[in-house]
Amino acid sequence: MSEQTQHGLAGIILAGGRSRRMGQDKASLEWEGRPMLQVIAESIGERCTPVMVAAPATSQAYDELAGQSELAWITDEQAGSGPLGGIVAALTAAKEADASAAFVCATDLPLVSSQLIDELLHALTGTPDVVIPFVDGRDHPLAGIYRVRALPALQAKLASGDVLMRDALEAVVTHRVGVSDPRWLTNVDAPEDLHRLRTA
């Protein structure tokens, strides 16, 4: 039995951000000739079934890409709830899909790899509710694996009005791990980030 099958791992891409610094929706940015969302979906789809996208129906990502994509879209996240709201909506959908965990990643990680998922899965044993990369002194909660059993604690945080990911991670058993290639976690927040990656 593969680790993927054993863990019942769904894939969730968070695409509900406003992309203020980029100046346009990041999910539809061109990367290697395709929308970045599609590139990420294909990468994580090597380990995750199903792959879903969490974004409000009012978001630019949904407006521009939902009709072009065969991915399932989760549009019921609480407005103004940030990444935590997307994660709660996504884990709820993962639970309904009979997954026991989900790899959750942001839509601005064009170099994300199935190898990252393998390394996180290796650390998903026993106690942890959440496994996230910890690189250069920083947590990377938007490239981590979340067990469905963490949902009640995360829902409680969201209901309390505390939407900070730092506090959400403290409400569950979080295991932090180093990864063999930090480039997998390279995010593009602004046009210069994208240019730098394309010319590297």
Protein backbone atom coordinates (compact mmCIF):
# COMPACT_ATOMS: atom_id res chain seq x y z
CA MET A 1 0.00 0.00 0.00
CA SER A 2 1.44 3.39 -0.98
CA GLU A 3 1.77 6.19 1.55
CA GLN A 4 -0.75 8.16 -0.50
CA THR A 5 -3.37 5.41 -0.29
CA GLN A 6 -2.54 4.67 3.32
CA HIS A 7 -3.08 8.26 4.39
CA GLY A 8 -6.05 9.06 2.12
CA LEU A 9 -4.37 12.31 1.14
CA ALA A 10 -6.36 15.07 -0.55
CA GLY A 11 -4.72 18.07 -2.16
CA ILE A 12 -5.89 21.60 -1.43
CA ILE A 13 -4.72 24.75 -3.22
CA LEU A 14 -5.57 28.03 -1.47
CA ALA A 15 -6.39 30.59 -4.16
CA GLY A 16 -8.53 33.13 -2.32
CA GLY A 17 -5.90 35.82 -1.71
CA ARG A 18 -6.20 39.31 -3.14
CA SER A 19 -2.68 39.39 -4.62
CA ARG A 20 -2.23 43.07 -3.76
CA ARG A 21 1.54 43.11 -4.25
CA MET A 22 1.38 41.16 -7.49
CA GLY A 23 -1.27 43.46 -8.92
CA GLN A 24 -3.16 40.54 -10.50
CA ASP A 25 -4.45 37.14 -9.51
CA LYS A 26 -1.55 34.77 -8.88
CA ALA A 27 -3.47 31.60 -9.72
CA SER A 28 -3.81 32.66 -13.36
CA LEU A 29 -0.22 33.91 -13.75
CA GLU A 30 1.60 32.21 -16.61
CA TRP A 31 4.25 29.71 -15.52
CA GLU A 32 5.86 27.46 -18.11
CA GLY A 33 3.11 28.38 -20.55
CA ARG A 34 0.21 27.50 -18.25
CA PRO A 35 -1.67 29.11 -15.36
CA MET A 36 0.29 28.67 -12.13
CA LEU A 37 -2.73 26.99 -10.54
CA GLN A 38 -2.63 24.24 -13.16
CA VAL A 39 1.10 23.66 -12.71
CA ILE A 40 0.70 23.31 -8.94
CA ALA A 41 -2.36 21.07 -9.30
CA GLU A 42 -0.45 18.68 -11.56
CA SER A 43 2.52 18.54 -9.18
CA ILE A 44 0.51 17.75 -6.08
CA GLY A 45 -1.86 15.51 -8.03
CA GLU A 46 1.00 13.00 -8.25
CA ARG A 47 0.38 12.21 -4.57
CA CYS A 48 -3.08 13.64 -3.77
CA THR A 49 -6.59 12.55 -4.70
CA PRO A 50 -8.76 14.53 -5.09
CA VAL A 51 -7.14 17.92 -5.73
CA MET A 52 -9.41 20.85 -4.82
CA VAL A 53 -9.14 24.63 -4.93
CA ALA A 54 -10.36 26.81 -2.05
CA ALA A 55 -11.38 30.29 -3.20
CA PRO A 56 -14.49 32.42 -2.69
CA ALA A 57 -16.88 32.61 -5.63
CA THR A 58 -16.18 36.36 -5.61
CA SER A 59 -12.43 35.87 -6.10
CA GLN A 60 -10.55 36.67 -9.28
CA ALA A 61 -9.17 33.13 -9.35
CA TYR A 62 -12.66 31.63 -9.41
CA ASP A 63 -13.87 34.14 -11.99
CA GLU A 64 -10.96 33.50 -14.37
CA LEU A 65 -10.19 29.81 -13.90
CA ALA A 66 -13.14 27.83 -12.53
CA GLY A 67 -14.72 27.41 -15.95
CA GLN A 68 -11.42 26.33 -17.52
CA SER A 69 -10.42 23.83 -14.85
CA GLU A 70 -11.64 20.31 -14.10
CA LEU A 71 -10.63 20.78 -10.47
CA ALA A 72 -13.26 20.85 -7.73
CA TRP A 73 -13.70 24.34 -6.28
CA ILE A 74 -14.56 24.97 -2.63
CA THR A 75 -16.23 28.38 -2.44
CA ASP A 76 -17.81 28.47 1.03
CA GLU A 77 -14.92 29.80 3.11
CA GLN A 78 -15.79 32.57 5.54
CA ALA A 79 -15.14 36.04 4.06
CA GLY A 80 -12.17 37.87 5.56
CA SER A 81 -10.90 34.77 7.34
CA GLY A 82 -7.58 34.56 5.51
CA PRO A 83 -5.73 31.28 4.93
CA LEU A 84 -7.25 29.70 8.04
CA GLY A 85 -10.73 30.09 6.59
CA GLY A 86 -9.59 28.43 3.40
CA ILE A 87 -7.97 25.57 5.31
CA VAL A 88 -11.12 24.97 7.41
CA ALA A 89 -13.33 24.93 4.31
CA ALA A 90 -10.84 22.68 2.53
CA LEU A 91 -10.49 20.18 5.39
CA THR A 92 -14.27 20.01 5.63
CA ALA A 93 -14.38 19.09 1.94
CA ALA A 94 -11.52 16.61 2.40
CA LYS A 95 -13.46 14.94 5.20
CA GLU A 96 -16.50 14.65 2.93
CA ALA A 97 -14.23 13.04 0.33
CA ASP A 98 -13.21 10.42 2.93
CA ALA A 99 -9.63 11.69 3.09
CA SER A 100 -7.87 11.45 6.44
CA ALA A 101 -5.48 14.32 5.67
CA ALA A 102 -4.79 16.99 3.10
CA PHE A 103 -1.69 18.59 1.68
CA VAL A 104 -2.50 22.30 1.77
CA CYS A 105 -0.52 24.74 -0.31
CA ALA A 106 -0.75 28.33 -1.47
CA THR A 107 -1.26 29.15 -5.12
CA ASP A 108 2.02 31.06 -5.37
CA LEU A 109 4.46 28.14 -5.01
CA PRO A 110 5.33 27.27 -8.63
CA LEU A 111 8.26 25.02 -7.65
CA VAL A 112 6.29 22.86 -5.22
CA SER A 113 7.06 19.18 -5.76
CA SER A 114 5.57 15.82 -4.97
CA GLN A 115 8.91 15.12 -3.26
CA LEU A 116 8.02 17.72 -0.64
CA ILE A 117 4.81 15.83 0.05
CA ASP A 118 6.80 12.59 0.40
CA GLU A 119 9.08 14.17 3.00
CA LEU A 120 6.14 15.56 4.98
CA LEU A 121 4.29 12.24 4.82
CA HIS A 122 7.36 10.52 6.23
CA ALA A 123 7.01 12.73 9.33
CA LEU A 124 3.24 12.21 9.63
CA THR A 125 3.41 9.40 12.15
CA GLY A 126 1.60 9.03 15.44
CA THR A 127 0.91 12.22 17.33
CA PRO A 128 1.08 15.18 14.90
CA ASP A 129 -2.12 16.74 13.62
CA VAL A 130 -0.12 18.95 11.27
CA VAL A 131 3.31 18.63 9.65
CA ILE A 132 4.82 21.77 8.13
CA PRO A 133 8.23 22.72 6.75
CA PHE A 134 10.46 24.84 8.95
CA VAL A 135 13.20 26.53 6.93
CA ASP A 136 15.56 29.40 7.81
CA GLY A 137 13.78 30.00 11.11
CA ARG A 138 10.35 30.26 9.48
CA ASP A 139 7.21 28.15 9.56
CA HIS A 140 5.62 27.39 6.20
CA PRO A 141 2.02 26.53 7.14
CA LEU A 142 0.80 26.98 3.56
CA ALA A 143 2.80 24.00 2.32
CA GLY A 144 1.91 21.43 4.95
CA ILE A 145 -0.12 18.32 5.68
CA TYR A 146 -3.17 18.71 7.92
CA ARG A 147 -5.03 15.74 9.35
CA VAL A 148 -8.81 15.97 9.16
CA ARG A 149 -8.89 15.33 12.92
CA ALA A 150 -7.45 18.84 13.42
CA LEU A 151 -10.64 20.35 12.02
CA PRO A 152 -12.56 20.92 15.30
CA ALA A 153 -9.67 22.86 16.88
CA LEU A 154 -9.18 24.95 13.74
CA GLN A 155 -12.92 25.59 13.47
CA ALA A 156 -12.93 26.79 17.09
CA LYS A 157 -10.09 29.22 16.36
CA LEU A 158 -11.94 30.54 13.34
CA ALA A 159 -15.20 30.89 15.29
CA SER A 160 -13.37 32.87 17.99
CA GLY A 161 -12.31 35.44 15.40
CA ASP A 162 -8.63 34.54 15.74
CA VAL A 163 -7.54 33.86 12.16
CA LEU A 164 -3.77 33.99 12.70
CA MET A 165 -2.06 30.89 11.40
CA ARG A 166 0.51 31.10 14.20
CA ASP A 167 -2.23 30.74 16.81
CA ALA A 168 -3.99 28.01 14.82
CA LEU A 169 -0.80 25.94 14.77
CA GLU A 170 -0.54 26.28 18.54
CA ALA A 171 -4.09 24.92 18.93
CA VAL A 172 -3.12 21.57 17.40
CA VAL A 173 -0.15 19.20 17.63
CA THR A 174 2.21 20.65 15.02
CA HIS A 175 5.41 18.95 13.94
CA ARG A 176 8.00 21.07 12.12
CA VAL A 177 10.51 19.47 9.78
CA GLY A 178 13.40 20.54 7.61
CA VAL A 179 13.18 19.75 3.90
CA SER A 180 15.89 18.69 1.49
CA ASP A 181 15.19 21.43 -1.09
CA PRO A 182 14.04 24.83 0.25
CA ARG A 183 13.36 25.98 -3.32
CA TRP A 184 10.13 24.02 -3.20
CA LEU A 185 8.85 26.72 -0.84
CA THR A 186 9.77 29.71 -3.02
CA ASN A 187 6.72 31.93 -3.26
CA VAL A 188 6.01 34.76 -5.69
CA ASP A 189 4.42 37.74 -3.99
CA ALA A 190 5.38 40.46 -6.45
CA PRO A 191 6.30 40.78 -10.16
CA GLU A 192 10.01 40.98 -9.33
CA ASP A 193 9.78 37.59 -7.55
CA LEU A 194 8.32 36.02 -10.67
CA HIS A 195 10.95 37.63 -12.90
CA ARG A 196 13.73 36.43 -10.61
CA LEU A 197 12.49 32.83 -10.78
CA ARG A 198 12.03 32.90 -14.54
CA THR A 199 15.58 34.12 -15.10
CA ALA A 200 17.29 31.98 -12.44
